[in-house]
C-alpha atoms as a PDB file:
ATOM      1  CA  MET A   1      95.567 -28.670-136.348  1.00  0.00           C
ATOM      2  CA  PRO A   2      97.652 -26.400-134.898  1.00  0.00           C
ATOM      3  CA  GLU A   3      98.118 -26.150-130.720  1.00  0.00           C
ATOM      4  CA  GLY A   4      94.494 -24.950-129.608  1.00  0.00           C
ATOM      5  CA  SER A   5      93.057 -25.241-132.246  1.00  0.00           C
ATOM      6  CA  TYR A   6      90.444 -28.533-132.999  1.00  0.00           C
ATOM      7  CA  VAL A   7      88.831 -29.933-136.682  1.00  0.00           C
ATOM      8  CA  THR A   8      84.972 -29.919-136.337  1.00  0.00           C
ATOM      9  CA  ALA A   9      84.226 -31.264-139.413  1.00  0.00           C
ATOM     10  CA  TRP A  10      85.607 -33.233-142.185  1.00  0.00           C
ATOM     11  CA  ALA A  11      86.063 -29.456-143.890  1.00  0.00           C
ATOM     12  CA  ASP A  12      89.083 -28.561-141.677  1.00  0.00           C
ATOM     13  CA  PHE A  13      90.034 -31.815-141.761  1.00  0.00           C
ATOM     14  CA  ARG A  14      93.652 -33.393-144.112  1.00  0.00           C
ATOM     15  CA  VAL A  15      94.559 -36.393-145.170  1.00  0.00           C
ATOM     16  CA  LEU A  16      98.449 -36.273-144.066  1.00  0.00           C
ATOM     17  CA  PRO A  17     100.872 -37.255-147.343  1.00  0.00           C
ATOM     18  CA  GLY A  18     101.244 -41.380-147.278  1.00  0.00           C
ATOM     19  CA  VAL A  19      99.334 -41.652-144.498  1.00  0.00           C
ATOM     20  CA  PRO A  20      96.379 -43.881-146.247  1.00  0.00           C
ATOM     21  CA  GLU A  21      99.726 -45.711-148.011  1.00  0.00           C
ATOM     22  CA  ALA A  22     100.689 -46.680-144.479  1.00  0.00           C
ATOM     23  CA  VAL A  23      97.300 -47.755-143.064  1.00  0.00           C
ATOM     24  CA  ALA A  24      96.882 -50.121-146.367  1.00  0.00           C
ATOM     25  CA  ARG A  25     100.659 -51.300-145.777  1.00  0.00           C
ATOM     26  CA  LEU A  26      99.505 -52.170-141.860  1.00  0.00           C
ATOM     27  CA  ASN A  27      96.434 -54.060-142.401  1.00  0.00           C
ATOM     28  CA  ARG A  28      98.001 -55.887-145.661  1.00  0.00           C
ATOM     29  CA  ALA A  29     100.457 -57.163-142.919  1.00  0.00           C
ATOM     30  CA  GLY A  30      97.724 -58.231-140.862  1.00  0.00           C
ATOM     31  CA  LEU A  31      97.803 -56.203-138.365  1.00  0.00           C
ATOM     32  CA  ARG A  32      95.496 -54.147-136.261  1.00  0.00           C
ATOM     33  CA  VAL A  33      95.387 -50.256-137.346  1.00  0.00           C
ATOM     34  CA  ILE A  34      93.163 -48.655-133.677  1.00  0.00           C
ATOM     35  CA  VAL A  35      92.184 -44.850-133.660  1.00  0.00           C
ATOM     36  CA  VAL A  36      92.814 -43.092-130.023  1.00  0.00           C
ATOM     37  CA  SER A  37      92.334 -39.538-129.723  1.00  0.00           C
ATOM     38  CA  ASN A  38      91.426 -37.379-127.060  1.00  0.00           C
ATOM     39  CA  GLN A  39      88.213 -34.988-128.307  1.00  0.00           C
ATOM     40  CA  ARG A  40      88.260 -31.818-125.607  1.00  0.00           C
ATOM     41  CA  GLY A  41      86.947 -29.893-128.085  1.00  0.00           C
ATOM     42  CA  ILE A  42      82.774 -31.956-127.177  1.00  0.00           C
ATOM     43  CA  ALA A  43      83.150 -30.984-123.494  1.00  0.00           C
ATOM     44  CA  LEU A  44      83.447 -27.625-124.486  1.00  0.00           C
ATOM     45  CA  GLY A  45      80.751 -27.614-126.716  1.00  0.00           C
ATOM     46  CA  LEU A  46      82.610 -27.145-129.796  1.00  0.00           C
ATOM     47  CA  TYR A  47      81.193 -30.331-132.208  1.00  0.00           C
ATOM     48  CA  SER A  48      79.106 -33.717-131.153  1.00  0.00           C
ATOM     49  CA  GLU A  49      79.957 -36.707-130.809  1.00  0.00           C
ATOM     50  CA  ALA A  50      78.159 -37.661-134.101  1.00  0.00           C
ATOM     51  CA  ASP A  51      81.213 -35.122-135.669  1.00  0.00           C
ATOM     52  CA  VAL A  52      83.342 -37.432-134.644  1.00  0.00           C
ATOM     53  CA  ALA A  53      82.252 -40.620-136.232  1.00  0.00           C
ATOM     54  CA  ALA A  54      80.851 -38.224-139.190  1.00  0.00           C
ATOM     55  CA  ILE A  55      84.023 -37.260-139.548  1.00  0.00           C
ATOM     56  CA  HIS A  56      86.178 -40.635-138.717  1.00  0.00           C
ATOM     57  CA  ALA A  57      83.549 -42.117-141.445  1.00  0.00           C
ATOM     58  CA  LYS A  58      84.723 -40.379-144.465  1.00  0.00           C
ATOM     59  CA  LEU A  59      88.177 -40.641-142.692  1.00  0.00           C
ATOM     60  CA  GLN A  60      87.076 -44.312-143.413  1.00  0.00           C
ATOM     61  CA  ASP A  61      86.235 -43.377-146.842  1.00  0.00           C
ATOM     62  CA  SER A  62      89.063 -42.065-147.831  1.00  0.00           C
ATOM     63  CA  LEU A  63      91.208 -44.821-146.840  1.00  0.00           C
ATOM     64  CA  ARG A  64      89.167 -47.479-148.820  1.00  0.00           C
ATOM     65  CA  VAL A  65      90.083 -45.402-152.334  1.00  0.00           C
ATOM     66  CA  GLN A  66      93.362 -46.774-151.508  1.00  0.00           C
ATOM     67  CA  ALA A  67      92.445 -50.239-150.143  1.00  0.00           C
ATOM     68  CA  ALA A  68      92.779 -48.669-146.705  1.00  0.00           C
ATOM     69  CA  HIS A  69      91.066 -49.085-143.321  1.00  0.00           C
ATOM     70  CA  VAL A  70      90.640 -48.849-140.145  1.00  0.00           C
ATOM     71  CA  ASP A  71      90.076 -51.934-137.724  1.00  0.00           C
ATOM     72  CA  ALA A  72      88.021 -49.011-134.364  1.00  0.00           C
ATOM     73  CA  PHE A  73      88.516 -45.522-133.335  1.00  0.00           C
ATOM     74  CA  TYR A  74      88.065 -44.603-129.792  1.00  0.00           C
ATOM     75  CA  PHE A  75      88.113 -41.582-128.352  1.00  0.00           C
ATOM     76  CA  CYS A  76      87.775 -39.321-125.080  1.00  0.00           C
ATOM     77  CA  PRO A  77      84.783 -37.188-124.972  1.00  0.00           C
ATOM     78  CA  HIS A  78      85.978 -35.597-121.580  1.00  0.00           C
ATOM     79  CA  ASP A  79      87.755 -32.780-119.790  1.00  0.00           C
ATOM     80  CA  LYS A  80      91.038 -33.086-118.600  1.00  0.00           C
ATOM     81  CA  GLU A  81      90.565 -34.190-115.056  1.00  0.00           C
ATOM     82  CA  GLN A  82      87.056 -36.562-116.090  1.00  0.00           C
ATOM     83  CA  CYS A  83      87.821 -39.969-116.762  1.00  0.00           C
ATOM     84  CA  ASN A  84      90.573 -42.737-117.335  1.00  0.00           C
ATOM     85  CA  CYS A  85      90.045 -42.259-121.243  1.00  0.00           C
ATOM     86  CA  ARG A  86      91.814 -39.426-121.428  1.00  0.00           C
ATOM     87  CA  LYS A  87      95.004 -40.079-122.990  1.00  0.00           C
ATOM     88  CA  PRO A  88      97.923 -40.759-120.954  1.00  0.00           C
ATOM     89  CA  LEU A  89      95.711 -42.771-118.941  1.00  0.00           C
ATOM     90  CA  PRO A  90      95.032 -46.256-120.064  1.00  0.00           C
ATOM     91  CA  GLY A  91      90.900 -46.292-120.658  1.00  0.00           C
ATOM     92  CA  MET A  92      90.457 -46.604-124.281  1.00  0.00           C
ATOM     93  CA  PHE A  93      92.960 -49.251-124.602  1.00  0.00           C
ATOM     94  CA  GLU A  94      91.325 -51.359-122.396  1.00  0.00           C
ATOM     95  CA  GLN A  95      87.875 -50.645-124.563  1.00  0.00           C
ATOM     96  CA  ALA A  96      89.908 -51.782-127.684  1.00  0.00           C
ATOM     97  CA  MET A  97      90.890 -54.954-126.158  1.00  0.00           C
ATOM     98  CA  ARG A  98      87.601 -55.507-124.546  1.00  0.00           C
ATOM     99  CA  ASP A  99      86.967 -55.711-128.417  1.00  0.00           C
ATOM    100  CA  PHE A 100      89.711 -56.881-129.465  1.00  0.00           C
ATOM    101  CA  PRO A 101      91.001 -59.463-127.180  1.00  0.00           C
ATOM    102  CA  GLU A 102      93.960 -60.579-129.187  1.00  0.00           C
ATOM    103  CA  ILE A 103      95.251 -56.893-129.000  1.00  0.00           C
ATOM    104  CA  THR A 104      98.568 -56.242-126.214  1.00  0.00           C
ATOM    105  CA  ALA A 105     100.418 -53.755-125.236  1.00  0.00           C
ATOM    106  CA  SER A 106     103.333 -55.363-125.478  1.00  0.00           C
ATOM    107  CA  THR A 107     103.095 -56.274-129.257  1.00  0.00           C
ATOM    108  CA  SER A 108     101.744 -52.931-130.172  1.00  0.00           C
ATOM    109  CA  ALA A 109     102.679 -49.493-131.129  1.00  0.00           C
ATOM    110  CA  MET A 110     101.784 -46.153-130.208  1.00  0.00           C
ATOM    111  CA  VAL A 111     102.100 -43.940-133.164  1.00  0.00           C
ATOM    112  CA  GLY A 112     102.020 -40.073-132.472  1.00  0.00           C
ATOM    113  CA  ASP A 113     102.721 -36.194-132.244  1.00  0.00           C
ATOM    114  CA  SER A 114     102.366 -35.410-129.279  1.00  0.00           C
ATOM    115  CA  LEU A 115     103.532 -35.969-125.597  1.00  0.00           C
ATOM    116  CA  SER A 116     100.496 -37.249-124.427  1.00  0.00           C
ATOM    117  CA  ASP A 117     101.136 -40.366-127.596  1.00  0.00           C
ATOM    118  CA  ILE A 118     103.868 -40.617-126.497  1.00  0.00           C
ATOM    119  CA  GLU A 119     103.135 -40.851-122.521  1.00  0.00           C
ATOM    120  CA  PHE A 120     100.041 -42.953-123.187  1.00  0.00           C
ATOM    121  CA  GLY A 121     102.291 -46.068-125.112  1.00  0.00           C
ATOM    122  CA  LYS A 122     104.823 -45.826-122.236  1.00  0.00           C
ATOM    123  CA  ARG A 123     102.426 -46.667-119.558  1.00  0.00           C
ATOM    124  CA  LEU A 124     100.751 -49.236-121.294  1.00  0.00           C
ATOM    125  CA  GLY A 125     104.564 -51.144-122.056  1.00  0.00           C
ATOM    126  CA  MET A 126     103.703 -50.335-125.487  1.00  0.00           C
ATOM    127  CA  ARG A 127     107.066 -49.339-128.625  1.00  0.00           C
ATOM    128  CA  THR A 128     106.323 -45.588-129.055  1.00  0.00           C
ATOM    129  CA  VAL A 129     107.339 -43.571-131.665  1.00  0.00           C
ATOM    130  CA  PHE A 130     106.737 -40.018-132.865  1.00  0.00           C
ATOM    131  CA  ILE A 131     106.031 -38.480-135.283  1.00  0.00           C
ATOM    132  CA  ASP A 132     107.415 -35.134-136.369  1.00  0.00           C
ATOM    133  CA  GLY A 133     105.245 -32.329-137.433  1.00  0.00           C
ATOM    134  CA  GLY A 134     106.196 -28.732-139.064  1.00  0.00           C
ATOM    135  CA  ALA A 135     106.366 -26.596-137.023  1.00  0.00           C
ATOM    136  CA  GLU A 136     103.420 -25.012-137.557  1.00  0.00           C
ATOM    137  CA  GLN A 137     101.470 -28.100-136.418  1.00  0.00           C
ATOM    138  CA  ARG A 138     103.781 -29.131-132.999  1.00  0.00           C
ATOM    139  CA  LYS A 139     102.830 -29.667-130.337  1.00  0.00           C
ATOM    140  CA  ALA A 140     103.498 -28.392-126.657  1.00  0.00           C
ATOM    141  CA  GLY A 141     105.254 -31.057-125.385  1.00  0.00           C
ATOM    142  CA  ALA A 142     106.649 -32.314-128.316  1.00  0.00           C
ATOM    143  CA  ASP A 143     110.587 -32.247-127.571  1.00  0.00           C
ATOM    144  CA  GLN A 144     110.392 -33.568-125.035  1.00  0.00           C
ATOM    145  CA  ALA A 145     107.705 -36.284-126.615  1.00  0.00           C
ATOM    146  CA  ALA A 146     110.681 -36.633-129.213  1.00  0.00           C
ATOM    147  CA  GLU A 147     113.076 -37.258-126.622  1.00  0.00           C
ATOM    148  CA  LEU A 148     110.712 -40.168-125.224  1.00  0.00           C
ATOM    149  CA  ALA A 149     110.021 -42.091-127.698  1.00  0.00           C
ATOM    150  CA  ASP A 150     111.695 -45.335-128.700  1.00  0.00           C
ATOM    151  CA  GLY A 151     111.657 -43.909-132.061  1.00  0.00           C
ATOM    152  CA  ARG A 152     111.253 -40.536-133.911  1.00  0.00           C
ATOM    153  CA  PHE A 153     110.577 -40.227-137.972  1.00  0.00           C
ATOM    154  CA  ALA A 154     108.869 -37.194-140.326  1.00  0.00           C
ATOM    155  CA  SER A 155     106.621 -39.493-141.539  1.00  0.00           C
ATOM    156  CA  LEU A 156     103.974 -41.927-140.745  1.00  0.00           C
ATOM    157  CA  GLN A 157     105.042 -44.362-143.930  1.00  0.00           C
ATOM    158  CA  ASP A 158     108.007 -43.924-142.493  1.00  0.00           C
ATOM    159  CA  ALA A 159     107.204 -44.801-139.073  1.00  0.00           C
ATOM    160  CA  VAL A 160     105.371 -48.110-140.556  1.00  0.00           C
ATOM    161  CA  GLU A 161     108.862 -48.604-143.122  1.00  0.00           C
ATOM    162  CA  ALA A 162     110.790 -48.927-139.474  1.00  0.00           C
ATOM    163  CA  LEU A 163     108.277 -50.860-137.450  1.00  0.00           C
ATOM    164  CA  LEU A 164     106.887 -53.875-140.457  1.00  0.00           C
ATOM    165  CA  THR A 165     110.921 -54.203-141.216  1.00  0.00           C
ATOM    166  CA  GLN A 166     112.817 -53.972-137.414  1.00  0.00           C
ATOM    167  CA  GLY A 167     109.765 -56.404-136.298  1.00  0.00           C
END
């Protein structure tokens, strides 16, 4: 969605081309796929935590068709400066480490399309990958995020290819 817009229901959600195949490739490589997202729209009353869970369930269903899956979803339902879980703060990664004690920041990669995504990964010591979106999807701070990231790719498929072949 464009900056300032919110996905409030599955009908608003779009799986970008190549995403299921990229996730399946990570799954086949034995890597955890964990999604972390800020969901400020909950705090603003635009949708509920149940709405987010329903979108995540539909996404899992669509991924299963391609023999892919996300291992876990974590989201921050809070407004700005109300918690430790809103990216770029580390709370969602701490939640993931409790559920998956084998993961570490140093062996993880953060792939995202926003400054908060890249700052989140950098603060934790992760490898960071910025995904360029089309001009209509670019978020404020995208240029800074692209400069800060360890890598920059046009798509998740390209990023996964690089992560898996470069180690």
